[in-house]
Protein backbone atom coordinates (compact mmCIF):
# COMPACT_ATOMS: atom_id res chain seq x y z
CA MET A 1 8.76 18.80 -49.93
CA GLU A 2 7.81 21.04 -46.96
CA GLU A 3 7.82 18.05 -44.64
CA ALA A 4 11.27 17.02 -45.87
CA ILE A 5 12.57 20.57 -45.29
CA LYS A 6 11.17 20.54 -41.73
CA LYS A 7 13.01 17.27 -41.06
CA ALA A 8 16.22 18.82 -42.37
CA GLU A 9 15.70 21.85 -40.10
CA VAL A 10 15.33 19.56 -37.08
CA LEU A 11 18.62 17.85 -37.95
CA ILE A 12 20.36 21.21 -38.37
CA GLU A 13 19.04 22.36 -34.97
CA ALA A 14 20.52 19.18 -33.46
CA LEU A 15 23.94 19.62 -35.11
CA PRO A 16 25.54 21.98 -32.52
CA TYR A 17 24.48 19.63 -29.73
CA ILE A 18 25.78 16.55 -31.56
CA LYS A 19 29.13 18.32 -31.98
CA LYS A 20 29.17 19.57 -28.37
CA PHE A 21 28.40 16.19 -26.81
CA HIS A 22 30.43 13.98 -29.18
CA LYS A 23 32.16 11.23 -27.14
CA LYS A 24 30.69 12.66 -23.91
CA ILE A 25 29.15 10.27 -21.37
CA ILE A 26 25.46 10.66 -20.55
CA VAL A 27 24.01 8.63 -17.66
CA ILE A 28 20.29 7.91 -17.99
CA LYS A 29 18.22 6.55 -15.11
CA TYR A 30 15.12 4.67 -16.21
CA GLY A 31 12.62 4.02 -13.41
CA GLY A 32 10.94 0.67 -12.88
CA SER A 33 7.44 2.20 -12.92
CA ILE A 34 7.72 2.99 -16.66
CA LEU A 35 9.95 0.08 -17.67
CA ALA A 36 6.96 -2.26 -17.95
CA GLU A 37 5.20 -0.17 -20.61
CA ASP A 38 6.31 -1.60 -23.95
CA LYS A 39 5.56 1.46 -26.10
CA ILE A 40 7.39 3.87 -23.76
CA ARG A 41 10.32 1.48 -23.36
CA LYS A 42 10.72 1.12 -27.14
CA SER A 43 10.75 4.92 -27.57
CA VAL A 44 13.33 5.39 -24.80
CA LEU A 45 15.60 2.62 -26.07
CA GLU A 46 15.36 3.96 -29.64
CA ASP A 47 16.53 7.34 -28.31
CA ILE A 48 19.45 5.70 -26.51
CA VAL A 49 20.50 3.85 -29.68
CA PHE A 50 20.24 7.14 -31.62
CA LEU A 51 22.47 8.86 -29.03
CA SER A 52 25.03 6.09 -29.45
CA PHE A 53 25.05 6.36 -33.27
CA THR A 54 25.49 10.16 -33.10
CA GLY A 55 28.70 9.70 -31.12
CA LEU A 56 27.50 10.13 -27.52
CA ARG A 57 28.27 7.45 -24.93
CA PRO A 58 25.05 6.54 -23.09
CA VAL A 59 24.99 4.54 -19.86
CA LEU A 60 21.56 3.33 -18.71
CA VAL A 61 20.92 2.64 -15.00
CA HIS A 62 17.56 0.98 -14.41
CA GLY A 63 15.35 0.24 -11.45
CA GLY A 64 12.76 -2.50 -11.09
CA GLY A 65 10.60 -1.78 -8.05
CA PRO A 66 7.18 -2.72 -9.50
CA ASN A 67 8.52 -6.01 -10.89
CA ILE A 68 10.03 -6.86 -7.52
CA SER A 69 6.82 -5.96 -5.65
CA GLY A 70 4.73 -7.97 -8.12
CA ARG A 71 6.92 -11.04 -7.68
CA MET A 72 6.79 -10.68 -3.88
CA ARG A 73 2.96 -10.54 -4.01
CA ALA A 74 2.79 -13.55 -6.33
CA GLU A 75 4.89 -15.55 -3.87
CA GLY A 76 2.80 -14.39 -0.89
CA LYS A 77 5.69 -12.45 0.63
CA LYS A 78 5.12 -9.23 2.53
CA THR A 79 6.79 -6.05 1.25
CA GLU A 80 7.69 -3.48 3.89
CA PHE A 81 8.96 0.05 3.14
CA LEU A 82 10.51 2.76 5.29
CA ASP A 83 10.91 6.24 3.77
CA GLY A 84 10.65 4.70 0.31
CA MET A 85 13.28 2.01 1.01
CA ARG A 86 12.40 -1.67 0.74
CA VAL A 87 13.26 -3.65 3.89
CA THR A 88 15.43 -6.40 2.41
CA ASP A 89 16.04 -9.74 4.10
CA LYS A 90 17.91 -12.62 2.36
CA ASP A 91 14.79 -13.95 0.62
CA THR A 92 13.82 -10.48 -0.60
CA LEU A 93 17.37 -9.84 -1.82
CA ALA A 94 17.20 -13.01 -3.93
CA VAL A 95 13.98 -11.72 -5.56
CA VAL A 96 15.55 -8.26 -6.11
CA GLU A 97 18.60 -9.81 -7.82
CA GLU A 98 16.52 -12.10 -10.03
CA GLU A 99 14.04 -9.44 -11.15
CA LEU A 100 16.74 -6.84 -11.84
CA GLY A 101 18.67 -9.49 -13.78
CA LYS A 102 15.61 -10.30 -15.93
CA LEU A 103 15.00 -6.60 -16.66
CA ASN A 104 18.66 -6.05 -17.52
CA ALA A 105 18.59 -8.97 -19.98
CA LEU A 106 15.36 -7.62 -21.53
CA ILE A 107 16.86 -4.15 -22.00
CA VAL A 108 20.10 -5.49 -23.51
CA ASN A 109 18.15 -7.77 -25.85
CA GLU A 110 15.92 -4.90 -27.06
CA LEU A 111 18.86 -2.50 -27.51
CA THR A 112 20.62 -5.18 -29.56
CA ARG A 113 17.52 -5.70 -31.72
CA LEU A 114 17.49 -1.93 -32.37
CA GLY A 115 21.05 -2.15 -33.70
CA ALA A 116 23.19 -1.23 -30.69
CA ASN A 117 26.21 -3.11 -29.45
CA ALA A 118 24.67 -3.48 -25.97
CA VAL A 119 26.02 -5.04 -22.80
CA GLY A 120 24.59 -5.52 -19.31
CA LEU A 121 26.60 -5.03 -16.13
CA ASP A 122 25.74 -5.92 -12.52
CA GLY A 123 26.72 -3.26 -9.97
CA GLU A 124 27.59 -5.94 -7.43
CA LYS A 125 28.95 -8.88 -9.47
CA ASP A 126 30.98 -6.62 -11.77
CA GLU A 127 32.24 -4.72 -8.69
CA ILE A 128 31.08 -1.28 -9.87
CA ILE A 129 29.09 -0.12 -6.82
CA VAL A 130 30.70 -0.19 -3.36
CA ALA A 131 28.15 -0.06 -0.55
CA GLU A 132 27.78 -0.44 3.19
CA LYS A 133 24.76 -1.28 5.31
CA LYS A 134 22.42 1.72 5.42
CA LYS A 135 21.71 3.19 8.85
CA ALA A 136 18.04 3.93 9.56
CA LYS A 137 15.45 4.18 12.34
CA ILE A 138 14.80 0.44 11.99
CA ASP A 139 16.98 -2.35 10.61
CA LEU A 140 16.48 -2.31 6.82
CA GLY A 141 18.37 -5.57 6.37
CA LEU A 142 20.50 -5.78 3.23
CA VAL A 143 19.86 -2.22 2.03
CA GLY A 144 23.03 -0.36 1.13
CA HIS A 145 24.31 3.20 1.13
CA ILE A 146 26.76 3.81 -1.74
CA THR A 147 30.29 4.69 -0.58
CA GLY A 148 32.19 4.46 -3.86
CA ILE A 149 32.14 3.69 -7.58
CA ASN A 150 34.63 1.70 -9.64
CA PRO A 151 34.07 3.13 -13.15
CA GLU A 152 36.56 0.86 -14.97
CA PRO A 153 34.17 -1.96 -16.01
CA ILE A 154 31.82 0.63 -17.57
CA LEU A 155 34.63 2.63 -19.19
CA GLN A 156 36.04 -0.53 -20.80
CA LYS A 157 32.68 -1.27 -22.43
CA LEU A 158 32.25 2.35 -23.55
CA GLU A 159 35.70 2.26 -25.16
CA ALA A 160 34.47 -0.77 -27.12
CA LYS A 161 31.57 1.43 -28.32
CA SER A 162 28.96 -0.50 -26.34
CA VAL A 163 25.74 0.89 -24.89
CA VAL A 164 25.90 -0.11 -21.21
CA ALA A 165 22.92 -1.06 -19.02
CA VAL A 166 23.72 -1.26 -15.30
CA LEU A 167 21.53 -2.90 -12.65
CA PRO A 168 21.76 -1.21 -9.23
CA MET A 169 23.18 -3.69 -6.72
CA GLY A 170 26.14 -2.95 -4.46
CA LYS A 171 28.93 -4.98 -2.88
CA GLY A 172 30.18 -4.32 0.63
CA LYS A 173 33.67 -4.69 2.07
CA ASP A 174 32.02 -7.47 4.07
CA LYS A 175 31.51 -9.26 0.68
CA LYS A 176 27.71 -9.05 1.09
CA ALA A 177 25.39 -7.94 -1.71
CA TYR A 178 23.25 -4.87 -0.99
CA ASN A 179 20.05 -3.52 -2.53
CA VAL A 180 20.72 0.14 -3.41
CA ASN A 181 18.47 2.97 -4.59
CA ALA A 182 18.55 3.34 -8.40
CA ASP A 183 18.49 7.18 -8.33
CA GLU A 184 21.43 7.18 -5.90
CA ALA A 185 23.22 4.61 -8.08
CA ALA A 186 22.74 6.68 -11.26
CA SER A 187 23.97 9.85 -9.53
CA ASN A 188 27.08 8.14 -8.15
CA ILE A 189 27.84 6.42 -11.46
CA ALA A 190 27.53 9.78 -13.26
CA ILE A 191 30.02 11.26 -10.77
CA GLY A 192 32.39 8.29 -11.12
CA LEU A 193 32.33 8.50 -14.92
CA LYS A 194 32.71 12.32 -14.92
CA ALA A 195 29.56 12.39 -17.06
CA GLU A 196 28.46 15.41 -19.05
CA LYS A 197 24.82 14.85 -18.06
CA LEU A 198 22.59 12.88 -15.71
CA VAL A 199 19.06 12.38 -17.05
CA LEU A 200 16.30 10.96 -14.84
CA LEU A 201 13.33 9.58 -16.76
CA THR A 202 10.08 9.59 -14.84
CA ASN A 203 6.30 9.52 -15.39
CA VAL A 204 5.59 13.20 -14.70
CA LYS A 205 6.26 16.30 -16.81
CA GLY A 206 9.12 17.46 -14.58
CA ILE A 207 9.16 19.69 -11.51
CA MET A 208 6.02 21.73 -10.80
CA ARG A 209 5.47 24.58 -8.31
CA ASN A 210 1.91 23.29 -7.94
CA GLY A 211 1.07 19.69 -8.88
CA GLU A 212 -2.51 20.71 -9.65
CA ASP A 213 -1.52 23.49 -12.08
CA PRO A 214 0.02 22.38 -15.41
CA ASN A 215 1.14 25.99 -16.01
CA SER A 216 3.41 25.90 -12.93
CA PHE A 217 6.03 23.75 -14.71
CA ILE A 218 9.63 24.83 -13.99
CA SER A 219 12.01 24.49 -16.96
CA THR A 220 15.27 25.44 -15.17
CA LEU A 221 16.40 25.35 -11.53
CA THR A 222 19.69 25.95 -9.76
CA THR A 223 20.81 23.60 -6.97
CA GLN A 224 20.11 26.31 -4.38
CA GLU A 225 16.60 26.85 -5.74
CA ALA A 226 15.98 23.10 -5.76
CA LYS A 227 17.09 22.79 -2.12
CA GLY A 228 14.73 25.63 -1.22
CA LEU A 229 11.81 23.90 -2.97
CA ILE A 230 12.50 20.67 -1.05
CA LYS A 231 12.68 22.59 2.24
CA SER A 232 9.42 24.46 1.54
CA GLY A 233 7.60 21.25 0.57
CA VAL A 234 7.05 22.19 -3.10
CA ILE A 235 9.19 19.21 -4.14
CA GLN A 236 7.88 16.20 -2.23
CA GLN A 237 7.45 12.41 -2.08
CA GLY A 238 9.06 10.46 -4.93
CA MET A 239 10.54 13.57 -6.54
CA ILE A 240 12.77 14.26 -3.50
CA PRO A 241 15.26 11.39 -4.12
CA LYS A 242 15.42 12.32 -7.81
CA VAL A 243 16.18 15.98 -7.17
CA THR A 244 18.60 15.04 -4.37
CA ALA A 245 20.39 12.73 -6.84
CA CYS A 246 20.66 15.62 -9.32
CA ILE A 247 22.01 18.01 -6.67
CA GLY A 248 24.59 15.44 -5.53
CA ALA A 249 25.75 14.88 -9.11
CA LEU A 250 26.08 18.62 -9.82
CA GLU A 251 28.02 19.24 -6.61
CA ASN A 252 30.50 16.54 -7.62
CA GLY A 253 31.39 17.48 -11.18
CA VAL A 254 28.47 16.49 -13.44
CA LYS A 255 27.77 19.47 -15.69
CA LYS A 256 23.98 19.35 -16.08
CA THR A 257 21.06 17.22 -14.89
CA HIS A 258 17.55 16.75 -16.26
CA VAL A 259 14.23 15.35 -15.02
CA ILE A 260 12.02 14.46 -17.99
CA ASP A 261 8.79 12.64 -18.74
CA ALA A 262 9.54 9.34 -20.49
CA ARG A 263 5.94 9.27 -21.76
CA ILE A 264 6.73 12.10 -24.23
CA PRO A 265 7.68 10.33 -27.48
CA HIS A 266 11.44 10.71 -27.95
CA GLY A 267 11.60 13.12 -25.02
CA LEU A 268 15.23 12.19 -24.41
CA LEU A 269 16.25 13.42 -27.87
CA LEU A 270 14.10 16.55 -27.55
CA GLU A 271 15.76 17.41 -24.22
CA ILE A 272 19.33 16.89 -25.41
CA PHE A 273 19.21 18.01 -29.05
CA THR A 274 16.76 20.94 -29.14
CA ASP A 275 16.98 24.54 -27.93
CA LYS A 276 13.89 24.45 -25.70
CA GLY A 277 13.94 20.91 -24.29
CA VAL A 278 10.92 19.25 -22.69
CA GLY A 279 11.78 18.66 -19.03
CA THR A 280 13.25 20.41 -16.00
CA GLU A 281 16.99 21.01 -16.11
CA ILE A 282 18.82 21.47 -12.81
CA VAL A 283 22.13 23.30 -13.06
CA LYS A 284 24.80 24.36 -10.59
């Protein structure tokens, strides 16, 4: 009986949040580094299906870097990076498209098996992400900088009560396909959809003042504080594009952003539907 009462209390705690976020769009970015882990992926996708059945409108944007790198290695192709961006020639772009397509199909299939009405969209082929060639110190090839979002293909699917999974490829005015950063894509899609929240799933607890000290976890940051932590070097390496994506979203109308550890079972639900949450929230 006590266990049943505790379950009821959890549901009651979630009720105000379910009411508050009913029919609101939540964009979730799921990184490639944790996509390959079956147990974590199942937990994340279960959470997304739960969000859908409680009346929220989740949009999943996924990466696929490790899969792409693994395929490149298997084919004996060299992978070159500059500031975290993959130099992308025509052959590499073909691998990127194929691997992202496979991951998108896997996600849609698993969401469907969990009971969702799921659909996959391609940022380039479905003309969602508008991009132009990214300027950098060296020629990055077919790497794109996002210049605009067409939200209509996603909105149409959301109106049909579908859970949408978007793969991050862009299309240029030159009709070329471009490889775009998944964090940047998620941030821009959240802005284009006027989303309530942007949630970035990663493989660390959140933002720490000191990576060596588990007690230095930061539960809430403002955009100004986050910029200061980037400038001072507290936020570094792979966390910089994630926090930058959050700041960009907040400065362009998204109400709240979160960086959470996907390895925490049902961390997505705990962050959205409980008073304390489990990750770092960044607010304006």
